[in-house]
Amino acid sequence: MTATTPTSTEKTGARTEEAADVITGARERIDALDDRIIGLVQERMAISAVIQDARIASGGRRVNLSREMEILSHYSEALGKPGTSLAMTLLELCRGRI
């Protein structure tokens, strides 16, 4: 039995080659954006670690709840309710669970 390579319309769910081309190009852009977003999240995590280390070294607590509330509000205002969930996920990634 020979495996066949799926056509671009099969891979994208499009009904025409033109639509499949648009979808393929857009997906490539999304994949590139996702790579950049992951890089930015990793950079944010590293910067957050520096902040936490400095705060702890100065005798403070690892987490500053008022700052976290600012971040939650910022994301919520920009993206609505899903923004709050996204901000919570970012905060958890950057400081761990509290």
Protein backbone atom coordinates (compact mmCIF):
# COMPACT_ATOMS: atom_id res chain seq x y z
CA MET A 1 0.00 0.00 0.00
CA THR A 2 1.43 3.36 -1.01
CA ALA A 3 0.92 6.41 1.16
CA THR A 4 -0.26 9.47 -0.70
CA THR A 5 0.64 13.00 0.21
CA PRO A 6 -2.44 15.04 1.10
CA THR A 7 -3.24 17.89 -1.27
CA SER A 8 -3.11 21.47 -0.06
CA THR A 9 -6.91 21.60 0.03
CA GLU A 10 -7.01 18.44 2.15
CA LYS A 11 -4.38 19.82 4.54
CA THR A 12 -6.14 23.16 4.97
CA GLY A 13 -9.78 22.16 4.70
CA ALA A 14 -10.21 24.70 1.90
CA ARG A 15 -12.44 24.01 -1.10
CA THR A 16 -10.27 25.76 -3.68
CA GLU A 17 -6.53 25.95 -4.39
CA GLU A 18 -6.68 29.74 -4.07
CA ALA A 19 -8.12 29.49 -0.56
CA ALA A 20 -5.61 26.76 0.30
CA ASP A 21 -2.77 29.08 -0.76
CA VAL A 22 -4.11 31.90 1.41
CA ILE A 23 -4.51 29.55 4.39
CA THR A 24 -1.04 28.04 3.91
CA GLY A 25 0.57 31.50 3.81
CA ALA A 26 -1.39 32.69 6.82
CA ARG A 27 -0.48 29.56 8.78
CA GLU A 28 3.19 30.16 8.04
CA ARG A 29 2.84 33.69 9.43
CA ILE A 30 1.05 32.35 12.52
CA ASP A 31 3.81 29.78 13.07
CA ALA A 32 6.42 32.56 12.85
CA LEU A 33 4.41 34.69 15.29
CA ASP A 34 4.09 31.74 17.67
CA ASP A 35 7.87 31.30 17.61
CA ARG A 36 8.33 35.00 18.43
CA ILE A 37 5.70 34.85 21.19
CA ILE A 38 7.43 31.84 22.77
CA GLY A 39 10.74 33.69 22.64
CA LEU A 40 9.18 36.75 24.27
CA VAL A 41 7.60 34.62 27.01
CA GLN A 42 10.97 33.02 27.69
CA GLU A 43 12.56 36.47 27.86
CA ARG A 44 9.80 37.63 30.23
CA MET A 45 10.43 34.59 32.44
CA ALA A 46 14.15 35.40 32.66
CA ILE A 47 13.50 39.05 33.53
CA SER A 48 10.92 38.04 36.12
CA ALA A 49 13.50 35.74 37.74
CA VAL A 50 15.92 38.69 38.03
CA ILE A 51 13.20 40.79 39.68
CA GLN A 52 12.26 38.01 42.10
CA ASP A 53 15.90 37.39 43.04
CA ALA A 54 16.46 41.10 43.70
CA ARG A 55 13.28 41.37 45.74
CA ILE A 56 14.14 38.30 47.84
CA ALA A 57 17.77 39.42 48.30
CA SER A 58 16.51 42.73 49.67
CA GLY A 59 14.33 40.94 52.23
CA GLY A 60 11.12 41.23 50.27
CA ARG A 61 8.65 38.62 49.13
CA ARG A 62 8.98 36.73 45.87
CA VAL A 63 5.59 37.98 44.61
CA ASN A 64 4.24 41.53 44.53
CA LEU A 65 0.47 41.09 44.40
CA SER A 66 -0.30 44.74 43.59
CA ARG A 67 1.97 44.51 40.54
CA GLU A 68 0.24 41.28 39.48
CA MET A 69 -3.13 43.03 39.73
CA GLU A 70 -1.81 45.77 37.42
CA ILE A 71 -0.76 43.15 34.89
CA LEU A 72 -4.11 41.35 35.09
CA SER A 73 -5.94 44.63 34.58
CA HIS A 74 -3.74 45.59 31.63
CA TYR A 75 -4.37 42.31 29.81
CA SER A 76 -8.08 42.34 30.66
CA GLU A 77 -8.51 45.87 29.31
CA ALA A 78 -6.63 45.02 26.11
CA LEU A 79 -8.08 41.55 25.43
CA GLY A 80 -11.20 41.16 27.55
CA LYS A 81 -11.88 38.14 29.75
CA PRO A 82 -9.54 35.82 27.80
CA GLY A 83 -6.80 38.40 28.45
CA THR A 84 -7.16 37.76 32.16
CA SER A 85 -6.64 34.04 31.62
CA LEU A 86 -3.64 34.73 29.42
CA ALA A 87 -2.14 37.04 32.05
CA MET A 88 -2.70 34.43 34.76
CA THR A 89 -0.87 31.86 32.64
CA LEU A 90 2.01 34.26 32.03
CA LEU A 91 2.24 35.10 35.72
CA GLU A 92 2.27 31.42 36.62
CA LEU A 93 4.99 30.73 34.08
CA CYS A 94 7.07 33.60 35.38
CA ARG A 95 6.70 33.17 39.12
CA GLY A 96 5.30 29.68 39.60
CA ARG A 97 2.12 28.77 41.42
CA ILE A 98 1.31 30.69 44.58
